[in-house]
Protein backbone atom coordinates (compact mmCIF):
# COMPACT_ATOMS: atom_id res chain seq x y z
CA MET A 1 14.05 6.32 -7.08
CA ARG A 2 14.51 3.14 -4.99
CA LYS A 3 15.37 -0.17 -6.08
CA LEU A 4 13.32 -3.15 -4.59
CA LEU A 5 14.61 -6.21 -3.48
CA ALA A 6 12.78 -9.41 -2.25
CA ILE A 7 9.17 -8.21 -3.43
CA SER A 8 8.05 -11.28 -6.23
CA GLY A 9 4.83 -12.40 -7.08
CA LYS A 10 1.48 -10.75 -8.07
CA LEU A 11 -0.41 -8.44 -5.69
CA LEU A 12 -3.30 -10.85 -6.04
CA PHE A 13 -1.22 -13.62 -4.49
CA VAL A 14 -0.17 -11.47 -1.78
CA VAL A 15 -3.79 -10.34 -1.18
CA MET A 16 -5.04 -14.31 -0.96
CA LEU A 17 -2.07 -14.99 1.25
CA CYS A 18 -3.08 -12.30 3.59
CA MET A 19 -6.73 -13.49 3.63
CA SER A 20 -5.83 -16.80 4.62
CA LEU A 21 -3.74 -15.09 7.37
CA GLY A 22 -6.79 -13.08 8.27
CA ALA A 23 -9.05 -15.86 8.73
CA ALA A 24 -6.88 -17.46 11.29
CA GLN A 25 -5.20 -14.02 12.91
CA ALA A 26 -7.68 -11.32 12.98
CA GLN A 27 -9.94 -10.24 15.59
CA ASP A 28 -13.10 -8.43 14.97
CA ALA A 29 -12.21 -5.29 13.34
CA ALA A 30 -14.95 -3.32 11.41
CA PHE A 31 -14.19 -0.27 9.37
CA SER A 32 -16.90 1.94 7.85
CA GLU A 33 -16.48 2.95 4.22
CA GLU A 34 -15.57 6.25 5.35
CA GLN A 35 -12.91 5.11 7.55
CA LEU A 36 -11.38 2.89 4.72
CA ASP A 37 -11.44 5.62 2.04
CA GLN A 38 -9.85 7.67 4.51
CA MET A 39 -7.45 4.96 5.29
CA MET A 40 -6.05 3.96 1.98
CA ALA A 41 -6.21 7.26 0.22
CA PRO A 42 -2.50 8.10 1.03
CA ILE A 43 -1.33 5.04 -0.54
CA ALA A 44 -3.82 3.63 -3.01
CA LEU A 45 -1.90 5.09 -6.01
CA TYR A 46 1.37 3.45 -5.16
CA PRO A 47 2.83 0.86 -7.35
CA ASP A 48 0.99 -2.76 -6.73
CA SER A 49 4.30 -4.23 -5.46
CA LEU A 50 5.03 -1.66 -2.96
CA LEU A 51 1.51 -1.24 -1.87
CA ALA A 52 1.37 -5.16 -1.24
CA GLN A 53 4.45 -4.81 1.00
CA ILE A 54 2.95 -1.78 2.98
CA LEU A 55 -0.35 -3.84 3.59
CA MET A 56 1.38 -6.98 4.73
CA ALA A 57 4.14 -5.05 6.70
CA SER A 58 1.05 -3.14 8.68
CA THR A 59 0.03 -6.47 9.92
CA TYR A 60 3.31 -6.48 11.92
CA PRO A 61 3.23 -2.99 13.57
CA ALA A 62 5.82 -3.75 16.12
CA ASP A 63 8.33 -4.87 13.39
CA VAL A 64 7.49 -1.65 11.48
CA ALA A 65 8.29 0.50 14.62
CA GLU A 66 11.58 -1.31 14.84
CA ALA A 67 12.36 -0.67 11.09
CA VAL A 68 11.31 2.70 11.41
CA GLN A 69 13.93 3.37 14.22
CA TRP A 70 16.80 1.24 12.13
CA SER A 71 16.22 3.58 9.26
CA LYS A 72 16.32 6.53 11.24
CA ASP A 73 19.61 5.51 12.88
CA ASN A 74 20.85 4.41 9.71
CA PRO A 75 20.18 7.46 7.24
CA ASP A 76 22.74 6.28 4.42
CA GLN A 77 21.10 2.96 4.27
CA GLU A 78 18.58 2.47 1.43
CA GLY A 79 17.80 0.32 -1.82
CA ASP A 80 18.96 -3.21 -2.02
CA ALA A 81 22.12 -2.52 0.28
CA ALA A 82 19.65 -1.57 3.19
CA VAL A 83 17.44 -4.81 2.52
CA GLU A 84 20.89 -7.07 2.84
CA THR A 85 21.91 -5.54 6.02
CA VAL A 86 18.87 -6.35 8.02
CA GLN A 87 18.43 -9.95 6.81
CA ASP A 88 19.76 -10.96 10.54
CA LYS A 89 16.81 -9.43 12.02
CA THR A 90 13.68 -11.14 13.17
CA TRP A 91 10.98 -8.89 11.16
CA ASP A 92 8.82 -9.96 8.80
CA PRO A 93 10.38 -10.27 5.11
CA SER A 94 7.63 -7.49 4.22
CA VAL A 95 8.88 -5.04 6.69
CA MET A 96 12.56 -6.10 5.94
CA SER A 97 11.86 -5.11 1.98
CA LEU A 98 10.54 -1.55 3.26
CA VAL A 99 13.79 -0.53 4.55
CA ALA A 100 14.67 -0.05 0.76
CA PHE A 101 12.32 2.82 1.11
CA PRO A 102 13.36 4.98 3.87
CA GLN A 103 10.45 7.86 2.87
CA VAL A 104 7.94 5.06 3.24
CA LEU A 105 9.12 4.04 6.74
CA ALA A 106 9.32 7.92 7.87
CA MET A 107 5.73 8.13 6.78
CA MET A 108 4.62 4.90 8.57
CA GLY A 109 6.72 6.18 11.79
CA GLU A 110 4.66 9.59 11.66
CA GLN A 111 1.32 7.54 11.69
CA PRO A 112 1.70 4.45 14.07
CA ASP A 113 -2.07 4.54 14.69
CA TRP A 114 -2.77 4.48 10.87
CA VAL A 115 -0.45 1.54 10.72
CA GLN A 116 -2.29 -0.43 13.39
CA ASN A 117 -5.52 0.34 11.60
CA VAL A 118 -4.51 -0.56 8.11
CA GLY A 119 -3.28 -3.83 9.28
CA ASP A 120 -6.25 -4.61 11.21
CA ALA A 121 -8.55 -3.79 8.30
CA PHE A 122 -6.26 -5.82 5.88
CA LEU A 123 -6.36 -8.90 8.33
CA ALA A 124 -10.09 -8.46 8.83
CA ASP A 125 -11.24 -8.09 5.15
CA SER A 126 -8.41 -7.86 2.62
CA GLU A 127 -11.08 -8.02 -0.26
CA THR A 128 -12.80 -4.85 0.94
CA VAL A 129 -9.64 -3.23 1.32
CA MET A 130 -8.60 -4.02 -2.26
CA ASP A 131 -11.85 -2.68 -3.54
CA THR A 132 -11.21 0.35 -1.66
CA VAL A 133 -8.13 0.57 -3.45
CA GLN A 134 -9.76 0.22 -6.93
CA LYS A 135 -12.53 2.95 -6.11
CA LEU A 136 -9.67 5.33 -5.34
CA ARG A 137 -7.86 4.67 -8.25
CA LEU A 138 -10.66 4.95 -10.62
CA LYS A 139 -11.57 8.17 -9.03
CA ALA A 140 -8.05 9.41 -9.28
CA LYS A 141 -8.17 8.17 -13.18
CA GLU A 142 -11.44 9.82 -13.65
CA GLU A 143 -9.90 13.18 -12.45
CA GLY A 144 -6.90 12.69 -14.94
CA ASN A 145 -4.37 12.17 -12.14
CA LEU A 146 -3.53 8.52 -12.93
CA GLU A 147 -1.67 8.21 -15.94
CA THR A 148 1.31 6.30 -17.37
CA THR A 149 4.33 7.95 -16.95
CA GLU A 150 8.22 7.61 -17.28
CA GLN A 151 8.12 6.06 -13.80
CA GLN A 152 4.98 3.93 -14.05
CA THR A 153 2.64 2.23 -16.17
CA VAL A 154 -1.14 2.59 -15.42
CA THR A 155 -3.00 -0.46 -17.02
CA VAL A 156 -7.03 -0.54 -16.92
CA GLU A 157 -8.29 -4.03 -17.23
CA GLU A 158 -12.11 -5.12 -17.27
CA GLN A 159 -12.37 -8.58 -15.72
CA PRO A 160 -15.66 -10.73 -14.73
CA SER A 161 -17.24 -9.58 -11.52
CA THR A 162 -17.79 -12.04 -8.68
CA GLU A 163 -21.26 -10.56 -8.24
CA THR A 164 -23.02 -11.98 -11.24
CA ALA A 165 -21.96 -14.11 -14.45
CA THR A 166 -22.58 -11.22 -16.82
CA SER A 167 -21.25 -8.18 -15.43
CA THR A 168 -17.53 -7.06 -15.21
CA GLU A 169 -15.48 -4.88 -12.85
CA THR A 170 -12.60 -2.37 -13.73
CA ILE A 171 -9.40 -3.14 -12.27
CA ILE A 172 -6.51 -0.56 -12.48
CA ILE A 173 -2.82 -1.99 -12.15
CA ILE A 174 0.24 0.23 -11.37
CA GLU A 175 3.34 -1.18 -12.22
CA PRO A 176 6.81 0.41 -12.32
CA ALA A 177 8.10 1.47 -16.00
CA ASP A 178 11.53 -0.10 -15.02
CA PRO A 179 10.84 -3.52 -13.16
CA GLN A 180 13.87 -2.91 -11.66
CA VAL A 181 13.28 0.46 -10.00
CA VAL A 182 10.13 1.32 -7.92
CA TYR A 183 9.27 5.17 -7.66
CA VAL A 184 7.41 6.37 -4.58
CA PRO A 185 4.73 8.82 -5.65
CA TYR A 186 3.95 11.75 -3.47
CA TYR A 187 0.34 13.22 -3.75
CA ASN A 188 -2.25 15.28 -1.75
CA PRO A 189 -5.01 12.98 -1.25
CA THR A 190 -7.77 15.74 -0.95
CA VAL A 191 -6.58 16.82 -4.51
CA VAL A 192 -5.68 14.12 -6.68
CA TYR A 193 -9.10 12.10 -6.17
CA GLY A 194 -11.22 15.10 -6.81
CA VAL A 195 -13.29 16.91 -3.98
CA TRP A 196 -13.19 14.75 -0.87
CA TRP A 197 -16.67 13.25 -0.25
CA TRP A 198 -16.35 12.63 3.52
CA PRO A 199 -15.69 15.88 5.12
CA ARG A 200 -15.59 14.31 8.86
CA TYR A 201 -13.08 11.73 7.46
CA VAL A 202 -10.32 13.89 5.70
CA PRO A 203 -7.27 11.79 4.59
CA TRP A 204 -3.85 12.88 6.25
CA TYR A 205 -1.40 14.07 3.87
CA TYR A 206 2.54 12.95 4.31
CA ARG A 207 4.85 15.97 3.57
CA PRO A 208 8.19 14.60 3.02
């Protein structure tokens, strides 16, 4: 359990913001469907607000590396207090927000190449990244591994599709049951989504 500070607005707003940033900053970084599935599987079931911060923070890998080290050097700091402590840093606000979650930074610290790739993919094509998240969430839902619990609320919505005027698409939203508390889920990606469909692109599994 970790309190979340300085995360505001909807995930969609964050995505649209990063789409604008991506148009100006991203270099050509093409990832295949297999790579995106593998890349997003470990975090696709995170609450929307936390997922948004991880995606944005990944576009600042150097800041993330510094935050990881800071978290290691300050093991007693977490939650709102940790975020307040790092306000004098030059990190992006999304990175600052992650010091509230030492376990998330520990995960990112173990996989710096993954952080770089997630950031590159998100800047290059945030829409496809979010489509991948929704695909993975739907698979977990169909497997019975994504449900509303005491810690989180899972909402399934049908929204008009951008492809045709008459079709709809399923959007799965994950929110904390208590807006003031964000739980970080732990799960094995090769189990929660069912039998993994890309044998050559098996997602890594963070074991806290």
